[in-house]
């Protein structure tokens, strides 16, 4: 910003001082408006604003102190310089308490005043630039509900921006826990379909019969237990987006049925012969390599290519380790607030261990570890090995061991794991229950059952 673009407001009830100030500012290249009344200046500032205010303190009707207070109510960051010729130190201190940024004694030398003006303008400009940069950085780190500032994440954000605006089908690939559903939601939320439903179904959690009924719906009496007509998720998602999670798990015959529905944009409810029109975008996700599955004959190539108009790969956490500190900071704030803990973060040693950990469960695993560390926290700063002890609970090598020739039951594994968590929790059942994700009563019942079977 050039000097001439700045708007300086100058207030002094002495007309000669105002004339000298306006002349000197003009010669120095400043745009300066002068006022002999604080009230007039305030009215102008309320209407048109300004970049810097220079005001006398002792004036009739409205003093510089009052003007300063009222200006601060409007703009808390405006540089305000006060001039004083009476009891200089006392008046300057009082003005600074009210929010003045600097002061100069009267009568003043304009060159000295110019230096003060330049210094304050530069300080305000720097503050504004820092706020813009901070906002840009925050926007970059937390976009579409995802945190990341690495080149690979910036590329992902750019792809989401481009693909969200069109209604083509998309396949999202990536390891478990990387945030594939977040990408799918972002594609919907920033699309023309954002006002319509976003419906999620886990294809790996249902049998083929149940999946068909959930997707296509059914008529009353179509099968045992079908007591009334039910709209399927594809029909409910019409106008919006259907997210098919873990689509790699569906059978060949279900792939055929889905492909026909996508091609014809119609569905037929189970037990009906009537076609129902639909209009939806399909987003599918898989933690397995669908292209490799196609080559092996484990996934239909025609269905794959019908879905794979755009392929978006979500990177693993190990491929974007530089984002770990930002993710940890975000999770610490989230869980400290949720669980009312006064945790501010991890120390440098603990953070280095988190950085070096092999996150096979990706962001989901990191999030769970931070959550449990916050729950078990004793101090505001989490240290190592304290955090490391908590990390053991979730690592592959949890310390639970069995002889090579022993194949424990699931109940035995559960018992060993609960005992391990209790040991790390110092025998505190409330903390152990929090880690295990169960309530204290459930934990007590499990422990009693284990005791009865010994």
Protein backbone atom coordinates (compact mmCIF):
# COMPACT_ATOMS: atom_id res chain seq x y z
CA UNK A 1 0.00 0.00 0.00
CA UNK A 2 1.39 3.41 -1.01
CA UNK A 3 1.36 6.44 1.31
CA UNK A 4 -1.22 8.17 -0.83
CA UNK A 5 -3.59 5.24 -0.35
CA UNK A 6 -3.52 5.65 3.42
CA UNK A 7 -6.20 7.71 5.12
CA UNK A 8 -4.89 9.61 8.14
CA UNK A 9 -7.32 11.39 10.46
CA UNK A 10 -5.88 14.33 12.41
CA UNK A 11 -7.79 16.05 15.24
CA UNK A 12 -6.76 19.26 17.05
CA UNK A 13 -8.92 22.18 18.10
CA UNK A 14 -6.15 24.57 16.98
CA UNK A 15 -6.72 25.60 13.34
CA UNK A 16 -3.06 26.58 12.77
CA UNK A 17 -1.83 23.14 13.86
CA UNK A 18 -4.37 21.53 11.53
CA UNK A 19 -3.21 23.64 8.56
CA UNK A 20 0.47 22.87 9.20
CA UNK A 21 -0.30 19.16 9.53
CA UNK A 22 -2.28 19.04 6.29
CA UNK A 23 0.44 20.90 4.39
CA UNK A 24 3.26 18.70 5.69
CA UNK A 25 1.30 15.53 5.01
CA UNK A 26 0.62 16.63 1.45
CA UNK A 27 4.33 17.26 0.88
CA UNK A 28 5.17 13.84 2.35
CA UNK A 29 2.64 12.10 0.11
CA UNK A 30 0.06 11.30 2.82
CA UNK A 31 -3.70 11.59 2.40
CA UNK A 32 -4.67 13.48 5.57
CA UNK A 33 -8.06 14.80 6.68
CA UNK A 34 -7.99 17.34 9.54
CA UNK A 35 -10.72 18.13 12.06
CA UNK A 36 -11.03 20.75 14.80
CA UNK A 37 -13.73 18.73 16.53
CA UNK A 38 -13.45 15.18 17.85
CA UNK A 39 -17.15 14.71 17.17
CA UNK A 40 -16.70 15.54 13.47
CA UNK A 41 -13.78 13.14 13.22
CA UNK A 42 -15.74 10.35 14.90
CA UNK A 43 -18.68 10.87 12.53
CA UNK A 44 -16.33 10.63 9.52
CA UNK A 45 -14.64 7.54 10.91
CA UNK A 46 -17.99 5.81 11.53
CA UNK A 47 -18.97 6.53 7.92
CA UNK A 48 -15.75 6.05 5.93
CA UNK A 49 -13.19 4.53 8.31
CA UNK A 50 -9.48 5.34 8.29
CA UNK A 51 -5.99 3.84 8.52
CA UNK A 52 -4.50 5.90 11.37
CA UNK A 53 -5.74 8.48 13.87
CA UNK A 54 -3.67 11.32 15.38
CA UNK A 55 -5.51 13.22 18.09
CA UNK A 56 -4.94 15.86 20.72
CA UNK A 57 -6.15 14.95 24.21
CA UNK A 58 -7.32 18.26 25.64
CA UNK A 59 -10.25 19.49 23.52
CA UNK A 60 -13.69 21.01 24.28
CA UNK A 61 -16.95 19.07 23.94
CA UNK A 62 -15.27 15.68 23.33
CA UNK A 63 -11.77 14.98 24.58
CA UNK A 64 -9.18 12.83 22.87
CA UNK A 65 -9.69 10.25 25.62
CA UNK A 66 -13.38 9.94 24.76
CA UNK A 67 -12.62 9.81 21.03
CA UNK A 68 -10.08 7.06 21.62
CA UNK A 69 -12.57 4.98 23.61
CA UNK A 70 -15.29 5.29 20.97
CA UNK A 71 -12.90 4.52 18.11
CA UNK A 72 -11.71 1.41 19.94
CA UNK A 73 -15.31 0.17 20.09
CA UNK A 74 -15.40 0.32 16.29
CA UNK A 75 -11.87 -0.83 15.40
CA UNK A 76 -9.70 -2.43 18.08
CA UNK A 77 -6.63 -2.54 15.80
CA UNK A 78 -6.60 1.02 14.39
CA UNK A 79 -3.27 2.75 15.15
CA UNK A 80 -4.02 5.76 17.36
CA UNK A 81 -1.33 8.36 18.15
CA UNK A 82 -2.04 10.87 20.88
CA UNK A 83 -0.51 14.37 21.22
CA UNK A 84 -0.15 15.91 24.62
CA UNK A 85 1.29 19.14 25.91
CA UNK A 86 -0.03 18.83 29.43
CA UNK A 87 1.37 16.50 32.10
CA UNK A 88 2.90 14.49 29.28
CA UNK A 89 3.74 11.29 31.11
CA UNK A 90 0.47 10.97 33.06
CA UNK A 91 -1.70 11.72 30.03
CA UNK A 92 0.29 9.38 27.78
CA UNK A 93 0.02 6.53 30.30
CA UNK A 94 -3.74 7.03 30.62
CA UNK A 95 -4.12 7.10 26.85
CA UNK A 96 -2.08 3.91 26.47
CA UNK A 97 -4.35 2.21 28.99
CA UNK A 98 -7.33 3.15 26.83
CA UNK A 99 -5.68 1.62 23.76
CA UNK A 100 -3.45 4.28 22.20
CA UNK A 101 -0.58 2.72 20.27
CA UNK A 102 1.89 5.62 20.54
CA UNK A 103 2.21 9.27 21.61
CA UNK A 104 4.13 12.46 20.78
CA UNK A 105 4.66 15.64 22.76
CA UNK A 106 3.43 19.04 21.58
CA UNK A 107 4.75 21.04 19.95
CA UNK A 108 6.03 18.27 17.69
CA UNK A 109 8.51 18.07 14.86
CA UNK A 110 6.79 16.69 11.73
CA UNK A 111 9.78 14.53 10.79
CA UNK A 112 9.55 12.84 14.17
CA UNK A 113 5.78 12.42 13.76
CA UNK A 114 6.32 10.97 10.28
CA UNK A 115 8.65 8.31 11.68
CA UNK A 116 6.03 7.35 14.28
CA UNK A 117 3.28 7.23 11.62
CA UNK A 118 5.39 5.03 9.34
CA UNK A 119 6.28 2.69 12.20
CA UNK A 120 2.66 2.22 13.22
CA UNK A 121 1.41 1.81 9.67
CA UNK A 122 4.09 -0.84 9.02
CA UNK A 123 3.14 -2.63 12.24
CA UNK A 124 -0.53 -2.69 11.25
CA UNK A 125 0.29 -3.88 7.73
CA UNK A 126 2.48 -6.67 9.12
CA UNK A 127 -0.26 -7.75 11.52
CA UNK A 128 -2.83 -7.85 8.73
CA UNK A 129 -0.47 -9.84 6.50
CA UNK A 130 0.17 -12.30 9.33
CA UNK A 131 -3.55 -12.71 9.88
CA UNK A 132 -4.06 -13.40 6.18
CA UNK A 133 -1.20 -15.90 6.09
CA UNK A 134 -2.46 -17.59 9.25
CA UNK A 135 -5.93 -17.86 7.75
CA UNK A 136 -4.52 -19.23 4.50
CA UNK A 137 -2.40 -21.75 6.41
CA UNK A 138 -5.38 -22.82 8.50
CA UNK A 139 -7.48 -23.16 5.35
CA UNK A 140 -4.75 -25.24 3.76
CA UNK A 141 -4.28 -27.45 6.82
CA UNK A 142 -7.95 -28.03 7.41
CA UNK A 143 -9.90 -28.32 4.20
CA UNK A 144 -12.94 -30.48 3.57
CA UNK A 145 -12.66 -31.68 7.19
CA UNK A 146 -9.17 -33.05 6.49
CA UNK A 147 -5.89 -31.78 7.89
CA UNK A 148 -2.81 -31.72 5.69
CA UNK A 149 -0.18 -29.34 4.40
CA UNK A 150 2.05 -31.75 2.50
CA UNK A 151 2.27 -31.65 -1.32
CA UNK A 152 0.43 -34.97 -1.60
CA UNK A 153 -2.50 -33.59 0.43
CA UNK A 154 -2.55 -30.31 -1.49
CA UNK A 155 -2.84 -32.40 -4.65
CA UNK A 156 -5.73 -34.34 -3.10
CA UNK A 157 -7.52 -31.09 -2.16
CA UNK A 158 -7.05 -29.77 -5.69
CA UNK A 159 -8.53 -32.96 -7.16
CA UNK A 160 -11.54 -32.77 -4.84
CA UNK A 161 -12.20 -29.18 -5.93
CA UNK A 162 -12.17 -30.17 -9.60
CA UNK A 163 -14.20 -33.37 -9.29
CA UNK A 164 -16.82 -32.10 -6.82
CA UNK A 165 -18.43 -29.78 -9.36
CA UNK A 166 -19.35 -32.58 -11.79
CA UNK A 167 -21.64 -35.56 -11.22
CA UNK A 168 -19.48 -38.35 -12.58
CA UNK A 169 -18.97 -41.63 -10.70
CA UNK A 170 -15.83 -41.89 -8.59
CA UNK A 171 -13.74 -44.66 -7.05
CA UNK A 172 -11.77 -43.74 -3.93
CA UNK A 173 -8.90 -46.03 -3.01
CA UNK A 174 -6.64 -46.11 0.02
CA UNK A 175 -5.75 -48.08 3.10
CA UNK A 176 -8.19 -48.47 5.99
CA UNK A 177 -8.25 -45.44 8.25
CA UNK A 178 -7.02 -42.90 5.70
CA UNK A 179 -10.29 -40.97 5.47
CA UNK A 180 -11.96 -42.22 2.29
CA UNK A 181 -15.42 -41.38 3.61
CA UNK A 182 -14.27 -37.80 4.34
CA UNK A 183 -13.26 -37.48 0.68
CA UNK A 184 -16.62 -38.85 -0.42
CA UNK A 185 -18.47 -36.39 1.84
CA UNK A 186 -16.38 -33.52 0.50
CA UNK A 187 -17.24 -34.49 -3.08
CA UNK A 188 -20.92 -34.38 -2.13
CA UNK A 189 -20.86 -31.28 0.11
CA UNK A 190 -19.16 -29.15 -2.55
CA UNK A 191 -21.24 -30.45 -5.45
CA UNK A 192 -24.51 -29.22 -7.00
CA UNK A 193 -26.14 -32.17 -5.18
CA UNK A 194 -25.19 -30.89 -1.70
CA UNK A 195 -28.81 -30.11 -0.71
CA UNK A 196 -29.86 -33.71 -1.43
CA UNK A 197 -29.09 -36.83 0.64
CA UNK A 198 -25.63 -38.33 1.14
CA UNK A 199 -26.22 -41.99 1.99
CA UNK A 200 -23.55 -44.44 3.13
CA UNK A 201 -23.66 -48.22 3.05
CA UNK A 202 -20.92 -50.63 4.08
CA UNK A 203 -21.01 -53.32 1.42
CA UNK A 204 -18.86 -55.66 3.48
CA UNK A 205 -21.17 -55.68 6.48
CA UNK A 206 -24.21 -57.31 4.83
CA UNK A 207 -25.01 -60.59 3.11
CA UNK A 208 -25.97 -60.43 -0.56
CA UNK A 209 -29.69 -60.82 0.21
CA UNK A 210 -29.68 -58.09 2.84
CA UNK A 211 -27.54 -55.81 0.66
CA UNK A 212 -29.98 -56.17 -2.25
CA UNK A 213 -32.92 -55.34 0.01
CA UNK A 214 -31.09 -52.34 1.50
CA UNK A 215 -30.04 -50.95 -1.88
CA UNK A 216 -33.14 -51.64 -3.99
CA UNK A 217 -35.85 -51.82 -1.33
CA UNK A 218 -38.67 -54.37 -1.28
CA UNK A 219 -42.41 -54.74 -1.56
CA UNK A 220 -44.66 -55.95 1.21
CA UNK A 221 -44.57 -59.76 1.35
CA UNK A 222 -41.49 -60.05 -0.87
CA UNK A 223 -39.94 -62.36 1.72
CA UNK A 224 -40.51 -63.54 5.26
CA UNK A 225 -40.54 -60.55 7.57
CA UNK A 226 -41.27 -57.99 4.82
CA UNK A 227 -44.38 -56.62 6.53
CA UNK A 228 -44.48 -53.40 4.52
CA UNK A 229 -43.02 -51.70 1.48
CA UNK A 230 -39.54 -50.26 2.02
CA UNK A 231 -37.70 -47.74 -0.13
CA UNK A 232 -34.13 -48.77 -0.88
CA UNK A 233 -31.09 -46.60 -0.27
CA UNK A 234 -30.64 -46.00 -4.01
CA UNK A 235 -34.16 -44.60 -4.18
CA UNK A 236 -33.60 -42.52 -1.03
CA UNK A 237 -30.35 -41.16 -2.46
CA UNK A 238 -32.03 -39.99 -5.67
CA UNK A 239 -30.92 -36.44 -6.42
CA UNK A 240 -27.92 -36.88 -4.13
CA UNK A 241 -24.99 -39.22 -3.61
CA UNK A 242 -24.73 -42.91 -2.70
CA UNK A 243 -21.44 -43.89 -1.09
CA UNK A 244 -20.68 -47.60 -1.45
CA UNK A 245 -17.94 -48.30 1.08
CA UNK A 246 -15.72 -51.39 0.66
CA UNK A 247 -17.31 -52.23 -2.67
CA UNK A 248 -14.61 -54.85 -3.21
CA UNK A 249 -16.68 -57.19 -0.99
CA UNK A 250 -19.82 -57.48 -3.15
CA UNK A 251 -20.59 -60.60 -5.17
CA UNK A 252 -20.49 -60.94 -8.96
CA UNK A 253 -24.29 -61.11 -9.23
CA UNK A 254 -24.70 -57.97 -7.10
CA UNK A 255 -22.18 -56.17 -9.29
CA UNK A 256 -24.36 -57.04 -12.30
CA UNK A 257 -27.51 -55.70 -10.63
CA UNK A 258 -25.79 -52.48 -9.62
CA UNK A 259 -24.33 -51.99 -13.08
CA UNK A 260 -27.78 -52.32 -14.70
CA UNK A 261 -29.22 -49.81 -12.24
CA UNK A 262 -26.42 -47.33 -12.93
CA UNK A 263 -26.75 -47.70 -16.70
CA UNK A 264 -30.55 -47.41 -16.79
CA UNK A 265 -30.88 -45.00 -13.85
CA UNK A 266 -33.76 -47.14 -12.61
CA UNK A 267 -34.19 -49.72 -9.85
CA UNK A 268 -36.73 -52.46 -9.22
CA UNK A 269 -37.66 -53.23 -5.67
CA UNK A 270 -37.38 -56.84 -4.51
CA UNK A 271 -40.76 -58.51 -5.15
CA UNK A 272 -41.82 -55.95 -7.77
CA UNK A 273 -41.75 -55.70 -11.57
CA UNK A 274 -42.13 -51.92 -11.70
CA UNK A 275 -39.06 -49.81 -12.50
CA UNK A 276 -38.49 -46.73 -10.35
CA UNK A 277 -36.42 -43.88 -11.86
CA UNK A 278 -33.44 -42.65 -9.88
CA UNK A 279 -30.90 -39.86 -10.29
CA UNK A 280 -27.80 -40.20 -8.14
CA UNK A 281 -24.07 -40.04 -8.15
CA UNK A 282 -22.18 -43.19 -7.16
CA UNK A 283 -19.00 -42.88 -5.13
CA UNK A 284 -17.36 -46.20 -4.28
CA UNK A 285 -14.44 -46.89 -1.97
CA UNK A 286 -12.12 -49.82 -1.51
CA UNK A 287 -9.10 -50.60 0.63
CA UNK A 288 -8.06 -53.26 -1.91
CA UNK A 289 -6.58 -52.69 -5.36
CA UNK A 290 -9.66 -53.05 -7.58
CA UNK A 291 -7.60 -52.96 -10.77
CA UNK A 292 -5.55 -55.91 -9.54
CA UNK A 293 -8.78 -57.69 -8.59
CA UNK A 294 -10.07 -57.14 -12.14
CA UNK A 295 -6.90 -58.64 -13.59
CA UNK A 296 -7.31 -61.68 -11.34
CA UNK A 297 -10.98 -62.06 -12.27
CA UNK A 298 -12.13 -61.22 -8.74
CA UNK A 299 -14.04 -58.09 -9.78
CA UNK A 300 -16.04 -57.47 -12.97
CA UNK A 301 -14.11 -55.32 -15.43
CA UNK A 302 -17.29 -53.81 -16.96
CA UNK A 303 -18.60 -52.78 -13.53
CA UNK A 304 -15.18 -51.43 -12.54
CA UNK A 305 -14.96 -49.23 -15.63
CA UNK A 306 -18.54 -48.06 -15.15
CA UNK A 307 -17.56 -46.74 -11.71
CA UNK A 308 -14.00 -45.67 -12.47
CA UNK A 309 -14.66 -42.43 -14.33
CA UNK A 310 -12.40 -40.70 -11.79
CA UNK A 311 -10.04 -42.52 -9.44
CA UNK A 312 -8.94 -40.69 -6.29
CA UNK A 313 -6.24 -42.23 -4.11
CA UNK A 314 -6.07 -41.19 -0.46
CA UNK A 315 -2.46 -41.39 0.80
CA UNK A 316 -1.49 -43.41 3.85
CA UNK A 317 -0.26 -41.60 6.94
CA UNK A 318 3.18 -43.08 6.38
CA UNK A 319 3.26 -41.27 3.01
CA UNK A 320 2.54 -37.91 4.68
CA UNK A 321 4.40 -38.04 7.99
CA UNK A 322 4.99 -34.28 7.94
CA UNK A 323 1.25 -33.88 8.70
CA UNK A 324 1.48 -35.89 11.95
CA UNK A 325 2.30 -32.88 14.22
CA UNK A 326 -0.70 -30.93 12.87
CA UNK A 327 -2.97 -33.95 13.23
CA UNK A 328 -1.79 -34.59 16.78
CA UNK A 329 -2.32 -30.92 17.71
CA UNK A 330 -5.84 -31.06 16.28
CA UNK A 331 -6.73 -34.28 18.11
CA UNK A 332 -5.29 -33.04 21.42
CA UNK A 333 -7.50 -29.93 21.25
CA UNK A 334 -10.53 -32.00 20.27
CA UNK A 335 -10.21 -34.55 23.08
CA UNK A 336 -9.02 -32.12 25.74
CA UNK A 337 -12.22 -30.18 25.20
CA UNK A 338 -14.41 -33.29 25.00
CA UNK A 339 -13.02 -34.94 28.13
CA UNK A 340 -12.32 -31.69 30.01
CA UNK A 341 -8.60 -32.41 30.29
CA UNK A 342 -5.96 -29.68 30.52
CA UNK A 343 -3.64 -31.33 28.01
CA UNK A 344 -1.74 -28.98 25.71
CA UNK A 345 0.26 -31.55 23.75
CA UNK A 346 3.20 -33.95 23.67
CA UNK A 347 6.78 -33.03 24.46
CA UNK A 348 9.39 -33.17 21.68
CA UNK A 349 10.59 -36.69 22.55
CA UNK A 350 7.06 -38.12 22.62
CA UNK A 351 6.21 -36.31 19.38
CA UNK A 352 9.28 -37.80 17.71
CA UNK A 353 8.12 -41.27 18.72
CA UNK A 354 4.66 -40.56 17.31
CA UNK A 355 6.31 -39.33 14.13
CA UNK A 356 8.40 -42.49 13.78
CA UNK A 357 5.61 -44.96 14.62
CA UNK A 358 4.46 -47.31 11.86
CA UNK A 359 0.81 -46.26 11.55
CA UNK A 360 -0.69 -49.32 9.89
CA UNK A 361 -4.14 -48.11 10.97
CA UNK A 362 -3.39 -44.65 9.57
CA UNK A 363 -5.23 -41.56 10.88
CA UNK A 364 -7.86 -43.64 12.65
CA UNK A 365 -5.15 -45.37 14.69
CA UNK A 366 -3.32 -42.10 15.44
CA UNK A 367 -6.58 -40.49 16.52
CA UNK A 368 -7.40 -43.38 18.87
CA UNK A 369 -3.92 -43.26 20.41
CA UNK A 370 -4.12 -39.51 21.06
CA UNK A 371 -7.63 -39.88 22.48
CA UNK A 372 -6.51 -42.50 24.97
CA UNK A 373 -3.38 -40.56 25.89
CA UNK A 374 -5.53 -37.52 26.69
CA UNK A 375 -7.98 -39.63 28.73
CA UNK A 376 -5.13 -41.12 30.80
CA UNK A 377 -3.19 -37.88 31.11
CA UNK A 378 -1.80 -36.82 34.48
CA UNK A 379 -0.03 -33.64 33.32
CA UNK A 380 -0.64 -30.94 30.67
CA UNK A 381 2.38 -32.09 28.64
CA UNK A 382 2.47 -35.75 27.68
CA UNK A 383 5.97 -37.19 27.88
CA UNK A 384 7.79 -40.35 26.88
CA UNK A 385 7.73 -43.11 28.11
CA UNK A 386 4.35 -42.17 29.68
CA UNK A 387 2.84 -41.72 26.22
CA UNK A 388 4.79 -44.77 25.07
CA UNK A 389 3.14 -46.92 27.74
CA UNK A 390 -0.22 -45.82 26.43
CA UNK A 391 0.92 -46.42 22.86
CA UNK A 392 1.78 -50.03 23.70
CA UNK A 393 -1.89 -50.79 24.19
CA UNK A 394 -2.54 -50.15 20.51
CA UNK A 395 0.69 -51.33 18.86
CA UNK A 396 0.99 -54.71 17.19
CA UNK A 397 3.31 -55.78 19.99
CA UNK A 398 0.99 -55.17 22.92
CA UNK A 399 2.87 -57.42 25.32
CA UNK A 400 0.15 -60.10 25.26
CA UNK A 401 1.88 -63.38 24.47
CA UNK A 402 0.90 -67.03 24.20
CA UNK A 403 2.99 -70.17 23.60
CA UNK A 404 3.50 -71.05 19.94
CA UNK A 405 1.38 -74.18 20.17
CA UNK A 406 -1.50 -72.49 22.01
CA UNK A 407 -4.54 -71.16 20.16
CA UNK A 408 -6.55 -69.09 22.65
CA UNK A 409 -10.29 -68.50 22.29
CA UNK A 410 -11.64 -65.01 21.66
CA UNK A 411 -12.83 -64.91 25.27
CA UNK A 412 -9.31 -65.72 26.47
CA UNK A 413 -7.85 -63.02 24.22
CA UNK A 414 -10.39 -60.53 25.59
CA UNK A 415 -9.48 -61.47 29.15
CA UNK A 416 -5.75 -61.06 28.52
CA UNK A 417 -6.27 -57.74 26.79
CA UNK A 418 -8.45 -56.35 29.58
CA UNK A 419 -5.90 -57.48 32.17
CA UNK A 420 -3.16 -55.79 30.13
CA UNK A 421 -5.08 -52.49 29.97
CA UNK A 422 -5.81 -52.66 33.68
CA UNK A 423 -2.12 -53.14 34.40
CA UNK A 424 -1.16 -50.12 32.29
CA UNK A 425 -3.92 -48.12 33.99
CA UNK A 426 -2.50 -48.85 37.43
CA UNK A 427 -5.54 -50.91 38.34
CA UNK A 428 -7.89 -47.94 37.87
CA UNK A 429 -11.08 -49.40 36.44
CA UNK A 430 -12.51 -46.05 35.30
CA UNK A 431 -9.46 -45.32 33.16
CA UNK A 432 -9.36 -48.89 31.88
CA UNK A 433 -13.03 -48.73 30.88
CA UNK A 434 -12.40 -45.46 29.01
CA UNK A 435 -9.56 -47.06 27.04
CA UNK A 436 -11.62 -50.14 26.26
CA UNK A 437 -14.59 -48.05 25.13
CA UNK A 438 -17.00 -49.62 27.62
CA UNK A 439 -18.66 -48.39 30.81
CA UNK A 440 -17.35 -49.30 34.26
CA UNK A 441 -20.31 -51.62 34.98
CA UNK A 442 -19.63 -53.67 31.85
CA UNK A 443 -15.96 -53.92 32.79
CA UNK A 444 -16.88 -55.07 36.29
CA UNK A 445 -19.18 -57.79 34.90
CA UNK A 446 -16.48 -59.04 32.54
CA UNK A 447 -13.94 -59.21 35.35
CA UNK A 448 -16.40 -61.13 37.53
CA UNK A 449 -17.04 -63.59 34.68
CA UNK A 450 -13.30 -64.10 34.18
CA UNK A 451 -12.93 -64.72 37.92
CA UNK A 452 -15.73 -67.31 37.92
CA UNK A 453 -14.11 -69.29 35.08
CA UNK A 454 -10.71 -69.60 36.77
